[in-house]
């Protein structure tokens, strides 16, 4: 019987949960980029407006309100976000913590499922 050993510095241990609240104009304070249509995970782009976003630029979105969004196209992720009421709970991980680009193939190689 083989046993899977997870490295101590595996990115899955660095997933963080944050809570987002829309501003007066209904904006969350960041631009959503990436998506399956580009072969990427959805990720937070530049912070917009005067407020601070709970996400940092470049963070990968893994879940929104308990819905896995890592394999969805950008427009579907936006629809999930639109359907949520405040506060919106997001699970995310910084790209530099997974050690590579935000592509499906890169993450599959790191997980050993590629």
PDB file of N, CA and C in Angstrom:
ATOM      1  N   UNK A   1       0.848  -1.162   0.000  1.00  0.00           N
ATOM      2  CA  UNK A   1       0.000   0.000   0.000  1.00  0.00           C
ATOM      3  C   UNK A   1       0.905   1.239   0.000  1.00  0.00           C
ATOM      4  N   UNK A   2       0.639   2.145  -0.920  1.00  0.00           N
ATOM      5  CA  UNK A   2       1.433   3.373  -0.967  1.00  0.00           C
ATOM      6  C   UNK A   2       0.747   4.469  -0.164  1.00  0.00           C
ATOM      7  N   UNK A   3       1.555   5.350   0.338  1.00  0.00           N
ATOM      8  CA  UNK A   3       1.031   6.432   1.158  1.00  0.00           C
ATOM      9  C   UNK A   3       1.468   7.764   0.558  1.00  0.00           C
ATOM     10  N   UNK A   4       0.533   8.679   0.425  1.00  0.00           N
ATOM     11  CA  UNK A   4       0.845   9.994  -0.111  1.00  0.00           C
ATOM     12  C   UNK A   4       1.377  10.858   1.024  1.00  0.00           C
ATOM     13  N   UNK A   5       2.560  11.414   0.807  1.00  0.00           N
ATOM     14  CA  UNK A   5       3.159  12.281   1.804  1.00  0.00           C
ATOM     15  C   UNK A   5       3.103  13.704   1.273  1.00  0.00           C
ATOM     16  N   UNK A   6       2.490  14.576   2.035  1.00  0.00           N
ATOM     17  CA  UNK A   6       2.367  15.965   1.623  1.00  0.00           C
ATOM     18  C   UNK A   6       3.535  16.759   2.197  1.00  0.00           C
ATOM     19  N   UNK A   7       4.194  17.536   1.323  1.00  0.00           N
ATOM     20  CA  UNK A   7       5.304  18.359   1.769  1.00  0.00           C
ATOM     21  C   UNK A   7       4.797  19.448   2.701  1.00  0.00           C
ATOM     22  N   UNK A   8       5.644  19.849   3.638  1.00  0.00           N
ATOM     23  CA  UNK A   8       5.253  20.880   4.591  1.00  0.00           C
ATOM     24  C   UNK A   8       4.983  22.217   3.917  1.00  0.00           C
ATOM     25  N   UNK A   9       5.665  22.486   2.805  1.00  0.00           N
ATOM     26  CA  UNK A   9       5.498  23.772   2.149  1.00  0.00           C
ATOM     27  C   UNK A   9       4.505  23.712   0.988  1.00  0.00           C
ATOM     28  N   UNK A  10       3.630  22.743   0.992  1.00  0.00           N
ATOM     29  CA  UNK A  10       2.644  22.606  -0.081  1.00  0.00           C
ATOM     30  C   UNK A  10       1.701  23.797  -0.057  1.00  0.00           C
ATOM     31  N   UNK A  11       1.334  24.293  -1.232  1.00  0.00           N
ATOM     32  CA  UNK A  11       0.490  25.495  -1.336  1.00  0.00           C
ATOM     33  C   UNK A  11      -0.873  25.323  -0.675  1.00  0.00           C
ATOM     34  N   UNK A  12      -1.386  24.092  -0.608  1.00  0.00           N
ATOM     35  CA  UNK A  12      -2.717  23.863  -0.036  1.00  0.00           C
ATOM     36  C   UNK A  12      -2.775  24.272   1.437  1.00  0.00           C
ATOM     37  N   UNK A  13      -1.637  24.265   2.106  1.00  0.00           N
ATOM     38  CA  UNK A  13      -1.589  24.701   3.494  1.00  0.00           C
ATOM     39  C   UNK A  13      -1.583  26.211   3.645  1.00  0.00           C
ATOM     40  N   UNK A  14      -1.497  26.918   2.528  1.00  0.00           N
ATOM     41  CA  UNK A  14      -1.439  28.381   2.567  1.00  0.00           C
ATOM     42  C   UNK A  14      -2.711  29.049   2.037  1.00  0.00           C
ATOM     43  N   UNK A  15      -3.749  28.263   1.860  1.00  0.00           N
ATOM     44  CA  UNK A  15      -5.029  28.821   1.418  1.00  0.00           C
ATOM     45  C   UNK A  15      -5.586  29.666   2.556  1.00  0.00           C
ATOM     46  N   UNK A  16      -6.036  30.858   2.212  1.00  0.00           N
ATOM     47  CA  UNK A  16      -6.603  31.727   3.244  1.00  0.00           C
ATOM     48  C   UNK A  16      -8.043  32.063   2.901  1.00  0.00           C
ATOM     49  N   UNK A  17      -8.791  32.354   3.910  1.00  0.00           N
ATOM     50  CA  UNK A  17     -10.199  32.712   3.743  1.00  0.00           C
ATOM     51  C   UNK A  17     -10.355  34.180   4.102  1.00  0.00           C
ATOM     52  N   UNK A  18     -11.043  34.922   3.243  1.00  0.00           N
ATOM     53  CA  UNK A  18     -11.292  36.333   3.540  1.00  0.00           C
ATOM     54  C   UNK A  18     -12.747  36.654   3.241  1.00  0.00           C
ATOM     55  N   UNK A  19     -13.181  37.742   3.809  1.00  0.00           N
ATOM     56  CA  UNK A  19     -14.561  38.172   3.667  1.00  0.00           C
ATOM     57  C   UNK A  19     -14.590  39.485   2.897  1.00  0.00           C
ATOM     58  N   UNK A  20     -15.378  39.535   1.828  1.00  0.00           N
ATOM     59  CA  UNK A  20     -15.474  40.722   0.983  1.00  0.00           C
ATOM     60  C   UNK A  20     -16.841  41.365   1.144  1.00  0.00           C
ATOM     61  N   UNK A  21     -16.860  42.677   1.160  1.00  0.00           N
ATOM     62  CA  UNK A  21     -18.106  43.431   1.226  1.00  0.00           C
ATOM     63  C   UNK A  21     -18.104  44.451   0.104  1.00  0.00           C
ATOM     64  N   UNK A  22     -19.209  44.534  -0.605  1.00  0.00           N
ATOM     65  CA  UNK A  22     -19.311  45.490  -1.705  1.00  0.00           C
ATOM     66  C   UNK A  22     -19.318  46.922  -1.177  1.00  0.00           C
ATOM     67  N   UNK A  23     -18.722  47.811  -1.971  1.00  0.00           N
ATOM     68  CA  UNK A  23     -18.737  49.231  -1.635  1.00  0.00           C
ATOM     69  C   UNK A  23     -20.065  49.851  -2.022  1.00  0.00           C
ATOM     70  N   UNK A  24     -20.198  51.167  -1.861  1.00  0.00           N
ATOM     71  CA  UNK A  24     -21.453  51.867  -2.178  1.00  0.00           C
ATOM     72  C   UNK A  24     -21.904  51.678  -3.626  1.00  0.00           C
ATOM     73  N   UNK A  25     -20.951  51.533  -4.542  1.00  0.00           N
ATOM     74  CA  UNK A  25     -21.296  51.341  -5.952  1.00  0.00           C
ATOM     75  C   UNK A  25     -21.481  49.885  -6.337  1.00  0.00           C
ATOM     76  N   UNK A  26     -21.418  48.975  -5.358  1.00  0.00           N
ATOM     77  CA  UNK A  26     -21.579  47.555  -5.640  1.00  0.00           C
ATOM     78  C   UNK A  26     -20.296  46.856  -6.051  1.00  0.00           C
ATOM     79  N   UNK A  27     -19.173  47.574  -6.033  1.00  0.00           N
ATOM     80  CA  UNK A  27     -17.887  46.999  -6.437  1.00  0.00           C
ATOM     81  C   UNK A  27     -17.198  46.328  -5.255  1.00  0.00           C
ATOM     82  N   UNK A  28     -16.398  45.296  -5.552  1.00  0.00           N
ATOM     83  CA  UNK A  28     -15.666  44.585  -4.507  1.00  0.00           C
ATOM     84  C   UNK A  28     -14.265  45.137  -4.292  1.00  0.00           C
ATOM     85  N   UNK A  29     -13.800  46.018  -5.151  1.00  0.00           N
ATOM     86  CA  UNK A  29     -12.500  46.649  -4.952  1.00  0.00           C
ATOM     87  C   UNK A  29     -11.350  46.008  -5.698  1.00  0.00           C
ATOM     88  N   UNK A  30     -11.626  45.051  -6.582  1.00  0.00           N
ATOM     89  CA  UNK A  30     -10.573  44.465  -7.407  1.00  0.00           C
ATOM     90  C   UNK A  30     -11.158  44.047  -8.746  1.00  0.00           C
ATOM     91  N   UNK A  31     -10.284  43.890  -9.728  1.00  0.00           N
ATOM     92  CA  UNK A  31     -10.679  43.431 -11.054  1.00  0.00           C
ATOM     93  C   UNK A  31     -10.463  41.922 -11.110  1.00  0.00           C
ATOM     94  N   UNK A  32     -11.438  41.175 -11.608  1.00  0.00           N
ATOM     95  CA  UNK A  32     -11.303  39.728 -11.751  1.00  0.00           C
ATOM     96  C   UNK A  32     -10.706  39.422 -13.116  1.00  0.00           C
ATOM     97  N   UNK A  33      -9.609  38.673 -13.133  1.00  0.00           N
ATOM     98  CA  UNK A  33      -8.926  38.303 -14.374  1.00  0.00           C
ATOM     99  C   UNK A  33      -8.817  36.789 -14.467  1.00  0.00           C
ATOM    100  N   UNK A  34      -8.290  36.298 -15.593  1.00  0.00           N
ATOM    101  CA  UNK A  34      -8.078  34.869 -15.794  1.00  0.00           C
ATOM    102  C   UNK A  34      -9.366  34.149 -16.124  1.00  0.00           C
ATOM    103  N   UNK A  35      -9.420  32.874 -15.787  1.00  0.00           N
ATOM    104  CA  UNK A  35     -10.584  32.052 -16.062  1.00  0.00           C
ATOM    105  C   UNK A  35     -10.231  30.906 -16.989  1.00  0.00           C
ATOM    106  N   UNK A  36     -11.083  29.899 -17.003  1.00  0.00           N
ATOM    107  CA  UNK A  36     -10.831  28.684 -17.778  1.00  0.00           C
ATOM    108  C   UNK A  36     -10.704  28.957 -19.268  1.00  0.00           C
ATOM    109  N   UNK A  37     -11.388  29.997 -19.763  1.00  0.00           N
ATOM    110  CA  UNK A  37     -11.315  30.292 -21.195  1.00  0.00           C
ATOM    111  C   UNK A  37      -9.910  30.736 -21.610  1.00  0.00           C
ATOM    112  N   UNK A  38      -9.070  31.093 -20.620  1.00  0.00           N
ATOM    113  CA  UNK A  38      -7.680  31.479 -20.887  1.00  0.00           C
ATOM    114  C   UNK A  38      -6.703  30.411 -20.392  1.00  0.00           C
ATOM    115  N   UNK A  39      -7.221  29.287 -19.908  1.00  0.00           N
ATOM    116  CA  UNK A  39      -6.365  28.239 -19.364  1.00  0.00           C
ATOM    117  C   UNK A  39      -5.746  28.628 -18.030  1.00  0.00           C
ATOM    118  N   UNK A  40      -6.415  29.511 -17.293  1.00  0.00           N
ATOM    119  CA  UNK A  40      -5.909  30.002 -16.018  1.00  0.00           C
ATOM    120  C   UNK A  40      -6.986  29.890 -14.947  1.00  0.00           C
ATOM    121  N   UNK A  41      -6.553  29.900 -13.707  1.00  0.00           N
ATOM    122  CA  UNK A  41      -7.490  30.037 -12.610  1.00  0.00           C
ATOM    123  C   UNK A  41      -7.927  31.492 -12.565  1.00  0.00           C
ATOM    124  N   UNK A  42      -9.127  31.762 -12.063  1.00  0.00           N
ATOM    125  CA  UNK A  42      -9.513  33.162 -11.878  1.00  0.00           C
ATOM    126  C   UNK A  42      -8.633  33.769 -10.783  1.00  0.00           C
ATOM    127  N   UNK A  43      -8.213  35.016 -10.997  1.00  0.00           N
ATOM    128  CA  UNK A  43      -7.362  35.662 -10.006  1.00  0.00           C
ATOM    129  C   UNK A  43      -7.670  37.147  -9.906  1.00  0.00           C
ATOM    130  N   UNK A  44      -7.282  37.726  -8.780  1.00  0.00           N
ATOM    131  CA  UNK A  44      -7.531  39.141  -8.522  1.00  0.00           C
ATOM    132  C   UNK A  44      -6.523  39.976  -9.284  1.00  0.00           C
ATOM    133  N   UNK A  45      -7.043  40.932 -10.042  1.00  0.00           N
ATOM    134  CA  UNK A  45      -6.181  41.882 -10.738  1.00  0.00           C
ATOM    135  C   UNK A  45      -5.919  43.072  -9.842  1.00  0.00           C
ATOM    136  N   UNK A  46      -5.743  44.214 -10.469  1.00  0.00           N
ATOM    137  CA  UNK A  46      -5.426  45.438  -9.736  1.00  0.00           C
ATOM    138  C   UNK A  46      -6.552  45.838  -8.791  1.00  0.00           C
ATOM    139  N   UNK A  47      -6.165  46.382  -7.663  1.00  0.00           N
ATOM    140  CA  UNK A  47      -7.127  46.940  -6.718  1.00  0.00           C
ATOM    141  C   UNK A  47      -7.621  48.254  -7.302  1.00  0.00           C
ATOM    142  N   UNK A  48      -8.943  48.436  -7.340  1.00  0.00           N
ATOM    143  CA  UNK A  48      -9.524  49.644  -7.928  1.00  0.00           C
ATOM    144  C   UNK A  48     -10.240  50.473  -6.868  1.00  0.00           C
ATOM    145  N   UNK A  49     -10.376  51.747  -7.132  1.00  0.00           N
ATOM    146  CA  UNK A  49     -11.079  52.634  -6.206  1.00  0.00           C
ATOM    147  C   UNK A  49     -10.188  53.076  -5.067  1.00  0.00           C
ATOM    148  N   UNK A  50     -10.789  53.787  -4.133  1.00  0.00           N
ATOM    149  CA  UNK A  50     -10.045  54.329  -2.999  1.00  0.00           C
ATOM    150  C   UNK A  50      -9.916  53.345  -1.845  1.00  0.00           C
ATOM    151  N   UNK A  51     -10.791  52.370  -1.786  1.00  0.00           N
ATOM    152  CA  UNK A  51     -10.778  51.420  -0.674  1.00  0.00           C
ATOM    153  C   UNK A  51      -9.725  50.342  -0.859  1.00  0.00           C
ATOM    154  N   UNK A  52      -9.616  49.496   0.140  1.00  0.00           N
ATOM    155  CA  UNK A  52      -8.691  48.381   0.080  1.00  0.00           C
ATOM    156  C   UNK A  52      -9.474  47.102  -0.166  1.00  0.00           C
ATOM    157  N   UNK A  53      -8.968  46.279  -1.062  1.00  0.00           N
ATOM    158  CA  UNK A  53      -9.589  44.980  -1.294  1.00  0.00           C
ATOM    159  C   UNK A  53      -9.029  43.992  -0.274  1.00  0.00           C
ATOM    160  N   UNK A  54      -9.820  43.017   0.105  1.00  0.00           N
ATOM    161  CA  UNK A  54      -9.355  41.991   1.037  1.00  0.00           C
ATOM    162  C   UNK A  54      -8.402  41.033   0.337  1.00  0.00           C
ATOM    163  N   UNK A  55      -8.432  41.024  -0.988  1.00  0.00           N
ATOM    164  CA  UNK A  55      -7.531  40.193  -1.774  1.00  0.00           C
ATOM    165  C   UNK A  55      -6.375  41.041  -2.284  1.00  0.00           C
ATOM    166  N   UNK A  56      -5.217  40.422  -2.436  1.00  0.00           N
ATOM    167  CA  UNK A  56      -4.066  41.104  -3.016  1.00  0.00           C
ATOM    168  C   UNK A  56      -4.022  40.827  -4.508  1.00  0.00           C
ATOM    169  N   UNK A  57      -3.391  41.715  -5.241  1.00  0.00           N
ATOM    170  CA  UNK A  57      -3.259  41.530  -6.677  1.00  0.00           C
ATOM    171  C   UNK A  57      -2.532  40.218  -6.956  1.00  0.00           C
ATOM    172  N   UNK A  58      -3.093  39.408  -7.848  1.00  0.00           N
ATOM    173  CA  UNK A  58      -2.485  38.145  -8.239  1.00  0.00           C
ATOM    174  C   UNK A  58      -2.960  36.930  -7.462  1.00  0.00           C
ATOM    175  N   UNK A  59      -3.767  37.108  -6.432  1.00  0.00           N
ATOM    176  CA  UNK A  59      -4.243  35.956  -5.661  1.00  0.00           C
ATOM    177  C   UNK A  59      -5.235  35.136  -6.469  1.00  0.00           C
ATOM    178  N   UNK A  60      -5.087  33.817  -6.413  1.00  0.00           N
ATOM    179  CA  UNK A  60      -5.981  32.903  -7.116  1.00  0.00           C
ATOM    180  C   UNK A  60      -7.238  32.680  -6.296  1.00  0.00           C
ATOM    181  N   UNK A  61      -8.389  32.757  -6.941  1.00  0.00           N
ATOM    182  CA  UNK A  61      -9.655  32.466  -6.270  1.00  0.00           C
ATOM    183  C   UNK A  61      -9.945  30.977  -6.414  1.00  0.00           C
ATOM    184  N   UNK A  62     -10.109  30.293  -5.304  1.00  0.00           N
ATOM    185  CA  UNK A  62     -10.397  28.864  -5.311  1.00  0.00           C
ATOM    186  C   UNK A  62     -11.872  28.591  -5.054  1.00  0.00           C
ATOM    187  N   UNK A  63     -12.458  29.337  -4.118  1.00  0.00           N
ATOM    188  CA  UNK A  63     -13.879  29.179  -3.778  1.00  0.00           C
ATOM    189  C   UNK A  63     -14.501  30.541  -3.515  1.00  0.00           C
ATOM    190  N   UNK A  64     -15.764  30.658  -3.884  1.00  0.00           N
ATOM    191  CA  UNK A  64     -16.552  31.844  -3.557  1.00  0.00           C
ATOM    192  C   UNK A  64     -17.830  31.352  -2.890  1.00  0.00           C
ATOM    193  N   UNK A  65     -18.015  31.708  -1.644  1.00  0.00           N
ATOM    194  CA  UNK A  65     -19.200  31.323  -0.860  1.00  0.00           C
ATOM    195  C   UNK A  65     -19.409  29.801  -0.893  1.00  0.00           C
ATOM    196  N   UNK A  66     -18.317  29.041  -0.815  1.00  0.00           N
ATOM    197  CA  UNK A  66     -18.392  27.591  -0.797  1.00  0.00           C
ATOM    198  C   UNK A  66     -18.478  26.935  -2.163  1.00  0.00           C
ATOM    199  N   UNK A  67     -18.541  27.720  -3.239  1.00  0.00           N
ATOM    200  CA  UNK A  67     -18.613  27.186  -4.606  1.00  0.00           C
ATOM    201  C   UNK A  67     -17.209  27.185  -5.199  1.00  0.00           C
ATOM    202  N   UNK A  68     -16.737  26.026  -5.632  1.00  0.00           N
ATOM    203  CA  UNK A  68     -15.416  25.950  -6.257  1.00  0.00           C
ATOM    204  C   UNK A  68     -15.447  26.657  -7.603  1.00  0.00           C
ATOM    205  N   UNK A  69     -14.538  27.612  -7.774  1.00  0.00           N
ATOM    206  CA  UNK A  69     -14.504  28.398  -9.008  1.00  0.00           C
ATOM    207  C   UNK A  69     -13.204  28.200  -9.774  1.00  0.00           C
ATOM    208  N   UNK A  70     -12.332  27.330  -9.294  1.00  0.00           N
ATOM    209  CA  UNK A  70     -11.007  27.175  -9.893  1.00  0.00           C
ATOM    210  C   UNK A  70     -11.027  26.668 -11.326  1.00  0.00           C
ATOM    211  N   UNK A  71     -12.064  26.013 -11.777  1.00  0.00           N
ATOM    212  CA  UNK A  71     -12.117  25.531 -13.151  1.00  0.00           C
ATOM    213  C   UNK A  71     -13.146  26.234 -14.009  1.00  0.00           C
ATOM    214  N   UNK A  72     -13.690  27.338 -13.510  1.00  0.00           N
ATOM    215  CA  UNK A  72     -14.768  28.025 -14.223  1.00  0.00           C
ATOM    216  C   UNK A  72     -14.241  29.157 -15.096  1.00  0.00           C
ATOM    217  N   UNK A  73     -14.955  29.457 -16.181  1.00  0.00           N
ATOM    218  CA  UNK A  73     -14.613  30.650 -16.961  1.00  0.00           C
ATOM    219  C   UNK A  73     -14.934  31.913 -16.157  1.00  0.00           C
ATOM    220  N   UNK A  74     -14.300  33.006 -16.523  1.00  0.00           N
ATOM    221  CA  UNK A  74     -14.437  34.272 -15.793  1.00  0.00           C
ATOM    222  C   UNK A  74     -15.896  34.703 -15.655  1.00  0.00           C
ATOM    223  N   UNK A  75     -16.670  34.590 -16.741  1.00  0.00           N
ATOM    224  CA  UNK A  75     -18.064  35.050 -16.679  1.00  0.00           C
ATOM    225  C   UNK A  75     -18.890  34.236 -15.688  1.00  0.00           C
ATOM    226  N   UNK A  76     -18.589  32.956 -15.511  1.00  0.00           N
ATOM    227  CA  UNK A  76     -19.301  32.153 -14.511  1.00  0.00           C
ATOM    228  C   UNK A  76     -18.895  32.547 -13.088  1.00  0.00           C
ATOM    229  N   UNK A  77     -17.616  32.850 -12.894  1.00  0.00           N
ATOM    230  CA  UNK A  77     -17.162  33.295 -11.576  1.00  0.00           C
ATOM    231  C   UNK A  77     -17.846  34.611 -11.216  1.00  0.00           C
ATOM    232  N   UNK A  78     -17.936  35.520 -12.187  1.00  0.00           N
ATOM    233  CA  UNK A  78     -18.621  36.796 -11.950  1.00  0.00           C
ATOM    234  C   UNK A  78     -20.086  36.573 -11.593  1.00  0.00           C
ATOM    235  N   UNK A  79     -20.711  35.600 -12.230  1.00  0.00           N
ATOM    236  CA  UNK A  79     -22.119  35.302 -11.935  1.00  0.00           C
ATOM    237  C   UNK A  79     -22.277  34.740 -10.522  1.00  0.00           C
ATOM    238  N   UNK A  80     -21.339  33.889 -10.102  1.00  0.00           N
ATOM    239  CA  UNK A  80     -21.373  33.365  -8.731  1.00  0.00           C
ATOM    240  C   UNK A  80     -21.251  34.524  -7.743  1.00  0.00           C
ATOM    241  N   UNK A  81     -20.323  35.445  -8.008  1.00  0.00           N
ATOM    242  CA  UNK A  81     -20.125  36.599  -7.128  1.00  0.00           C
ATOM    243  C   UNK A  81     -21.377  37.470  -7.093  1.00  0.00           C
ATOM    244  N   UNK A  82     -21.974  37.714  -8.258  1.00  0.00           N
ATOM    245  CA  UNK A  82     -23.181  38.555  -8.322  1.00  0.00           C
ATOM    246  C   UNK A  82     -24.342  37.954  -7.533  1.00  0.00           C
ATOM    247  N   UNK A  83     -24.415  36.626  -7.501  1.00  0.00           N
ATOM    248  CA  UNK A  83     -25.535  35.963  -6.828  1.00  0.00           C
ATOM    249  C   UNK A  83     -25.378  35.922  -5.307  1.00  0.00           C
ATOM    250  N   UNK A  84     -24.200  36.281  -4.804  1.00  0.00           N
ATOM    251  CA  UNK A  84     -23.934  36.230  -3.362  1.00  0.00           C
ATOM    252  C   UNK A  84     -24.360  37.509  -2.666  1.00  0.00           C
ATOM    253  N   UNK A  85     -24.773  37.341  -1.420  1.00  0.00           N
ATOM    254  CA  UNK A  85     -25.072  38.490  -0.566  1.00  0.00           C
ATOM    255  C   UNK A  85     -23.848  38.776   0.293  1.00  0.00           C
ATOM    256  N   UNK A  86     -23.713  40.027   0.713  1.00  0.00           N
ATOM    257  CA  UNK A  86     -22.589  40.420   1.569  1.00  0.00           C
ATOM    258  C   UNK A  86     -22.742  39.828   2.962  1.00  0.00           C
ATOM    259  N   UNK A  87     -21.676  39.486   3.623  1.00  0.00           N
ATOM    260  CA  UNK A  87     -20.308  39.444   3.126  1.00  0.00           C
ATOM    261  C   UNK A  87     -20.068  38.184   2.292  1.00  0.00           C
ATOM    262  N   UNK A  88     -19.181  38.294   1.327  1.00  0.00           N
ATOM    263  CA  UNK A  88     -18.854  37.185   0.435  1.00  0.00           C
ATOM    264  C   UNK A  88     -17.574  36.532   0.950  1.00  0.00           C
ATOM    265  N   UNK A  89     -17.649  35.254   1.269  1.00  0.00           N
ATOM    266  CA  UNK A  89     -16.495  34.517   1.786  1.00  0.00           C
ATOM    267  C   UNK A  89     -15.747  33.896   0.611  1.00  0.00           C
ATOM    268  N   UNK A  90     -14.445  34.197   0.533  1.00  0.00           N
ATOM    269  CA  UNK A  90     -13.606  33.742  -0.575  1.00  0.00           C
ATOM    270  C   UNK A  90     -12.413  32.980  -0.018  1.00  0.00           C
ATOM    271  N   UNK A  91     -12.091  31.849  -0.642  1.00  0.00           N
ATOM    272  CA  UNK A  91     -10.852  31.135  -0.331  1.00  0.00           C
ATOM    273  C   UNK A  91      -9.893  31.414  -1.476  1.00  0.00           C
ATOM    274  N   UNK A  92      -8.682  31.839  -1.119  1.00  0.00           N
ATOM    275  CA  UNK A  92      -7.707  32.241  -2.127  1.00  0.00           C
ATOM    276  C   UNK A  92      -6.306  31.847  -1.684  1.00  0.00           C
ATOM    277  N   UNK A  93      -5.391  31.846  -2.649  1.00  0.00           N
ATOM    278  CA  UNK A  93      -3.981  31.568  -2.364  1.00  0.00           C
ATOM    279  C   UNK A  93      -3.140  32.457  -3.275  1.00  0.00           C
ATOM    280  N   UNK A  94      -2.043  32.958  -2.742  1.00  0.00           N
ATOM    281  CA  UNK A  94      -1.154  33.802  -3.543  1.00  0.00           C
ATOM    282  C   UNK A  94      -0.423  32.945  -4.568  1.00  0.00           C
ATOM    283  N   UNK A  95      -0.247  33.466  -5.780  1.00  0.00           N
ATOM    284  CA  UNK A  95       0.429  32.716  -6.833  1.00  0.00           C
ATOM    285  C   UNK A  95       1.868  32.398  -6.475  1.00  0.00           C
ATOM    286  N   UNK A  96       2.561  33.315  -5.805  1.00  0.00           N
ATOM    287  CA  UNK A  96       3.951  33.046  -5.453  1.00  0.00           C
ATOM    288  C   UNK A  96       4.071  31.927  -4.427  1.00  0.00           C
ATOM    289  N   UNK A  97       2.987  31.592  -3.750  1.00  0.00           N
ATOM    290  CA  UNK A  97       3.013  30.507  -2.777  1.00  0.00           C
ATOM    291  C   UNK A  97       2.817  29.143  -3.431  1.00  0.00           C
ATOM    292  N   UNK A  98       2.331  29.114  -4.678  1.00  0.00           N
ATOM    293  CA  UNK A  98       2.234  27.828  -5.368  1.00  0.00           C
ATOM    294  C   UNK A  98       3.446  27.617  -6.250  1.00  0.00           C
ATOM    295  N   UNK A  99       4.280  28.646  -6.377  1.00  0.00           N
ATOM    296  CA  UNK A  99       5.554  28.497  -7.055  1.00  0.00           C
ATOM    297  C   UNK A  99       5.488  28.484  -8.559  1.00  0.00           C
ATOM    298  N   UNK A 100       4.526  29.108  -9.174  1.00  0.00           N
ATOM    299  CA  UNK A 100       4.471  29.129 -10.629  1.00  0.00           C
ATOM    300  C   UNK A 100       3.291  29.896 -11.142  1.00  0.00           C
ATOM    301  N   UNK A 101       3.065  29.824 -12.445  1.00  0.00           N
ATOM    302  CA  UNK A 101       1.957  30.567 -13.042  1.00  0.00           C
ATOM    303  C   UNK A 101       0.608  29.979 -12.651  1.00  0.00           C
ATOM    304  N   UNK A 102      -0.429  30.749 -12.902  1.00  0.00           N
ATOM    305  CA  UNK A 102      -1.781  30.356 -12.512  1.00  0.00           C
ATOM    306  C   UNK A 102      -2.454  29.507 -13.575  1.00  0.00           C
ATOM    307  N   UNK A 103      -1.724  28.573 -14.156  1.00  0.00           N
ATOM    308  CA  UNK A 103      -2.325  27.745 -15.196  1.00  0.00           C
ATOM    309  C   UNK A 103      -2.729  26.395 -14.622  1.00  0.00           C
ATOM    310  N   UNK A 104      -3.713  25.781 -15.253  1.00  0.00           N
ATOM    311  CA  UNK A 104      -4.176  24.465 -14.813  1.00  0.00           C
ATOM    312  C   UNK A 104      -3.047  23.442 -14.894  1.00  0.00           C
ATOM    313  N   UNK A 105      -2.298  23.435 -16.000  1.00  0.00           N
ATOM    314  CA  UNK A 105      -1.268  22.422 -16.193  1.00  0.00           C
ATOM    315  C   UNK A 105      -0.152  22.554 -15.164  1.00  0.00           C
ATOM    316  N   UNK A 106       0.221  23.785 -14.814  1.00  0.00           N
ATOM    317  CA  UNK A 106       1.279  23.978 -13.824  1.00  0.00           C
ATOM    318  C   UNK A 106       0.852  23.445 -12.465  1.00  0.00           C
ATOM    319  N   UNK A 107      -0.384  23.691 -12.079  1.00  0.00           N
ATOM    320  CA  UNK A 107      -0.871  23.228 -10.785  1.00  0.00           C
ATOM    321  C   UNK A 107      -1.054  21.713 -10.787  1.00  0.00           C
ATOM    322  N   UNK A 108      -1.489  21.147 -11.910  1.00  0.00           N
ATOM    323  CA  UNK A 108      -1.642  19.699 -11.993  1.00  0.00           C
ATOM    324  C   UNK A 108      -0.294  19.011 -11.842  1.00  0.00           C
ATOM    325  N   UNK A 109       0.758  19.592 -12.425  1.00  0.00           N
ATOM    326  CA  UNK A 109       2.090  19.015 -12.296  1.00  0.00           C
ATOM    327  C   UNK A 109       2.532  19.024 -10.840  1.00  0.00           C
ATOM    328  N   UNK A 110       2.265  20.125 -10.129  1.00  0.00           N
ATOM    329  CA  UNK A 110       2.650  20.211  -8.727  1.00  0.00           C
ATOM    330  C   UNK A 110       1.863  19.240  -7.867  1.00  0.00           C
ATOM    331  N   UNK A 111       0.620  18.979  -8.233  1.00  0.00           N
ATOM    332  CA  UNK A 111      -0.230  18.077  -7.455  1.00  0.00           C
ATOM    333  C   UNK A 111      -0.005  16.620  -7.837  1.00  0.00           C
ATOM    334  N   UNK A 112       0.730  16.384  -8.915  1.00  0.00           N
ATOM    335  CA  UNK A 112       0.982  15.032  -9.357  1.00  0.00           C
ATOM    336  C   UNK A 112      -0.171  14.391 -10.090  1.00  0.00           C
ATOM    337  N   UNK A 113      -1.117  15.199 -10.579  1.00  0.00           N
ATOM    338  CA  UNK A 113      -2.268  14.638 -11.286  1.00  0.00           C
ATOM    339  C   UNK A 113      -2.211  14.942 -12.774  1.00  0.00           C
ATOM    340  N   UNK A 114      -1.079  15.376 -13.275  1.00  0.00           N
ATOM    341  CA  UNK A 114      -0.964  15.758 -14.685  1.00  0.00           C
ATOM    342  C   UNK A 114      -0.274  14.757 -15.518  1.00  0.00           C
TER     343      UNK A 114
END
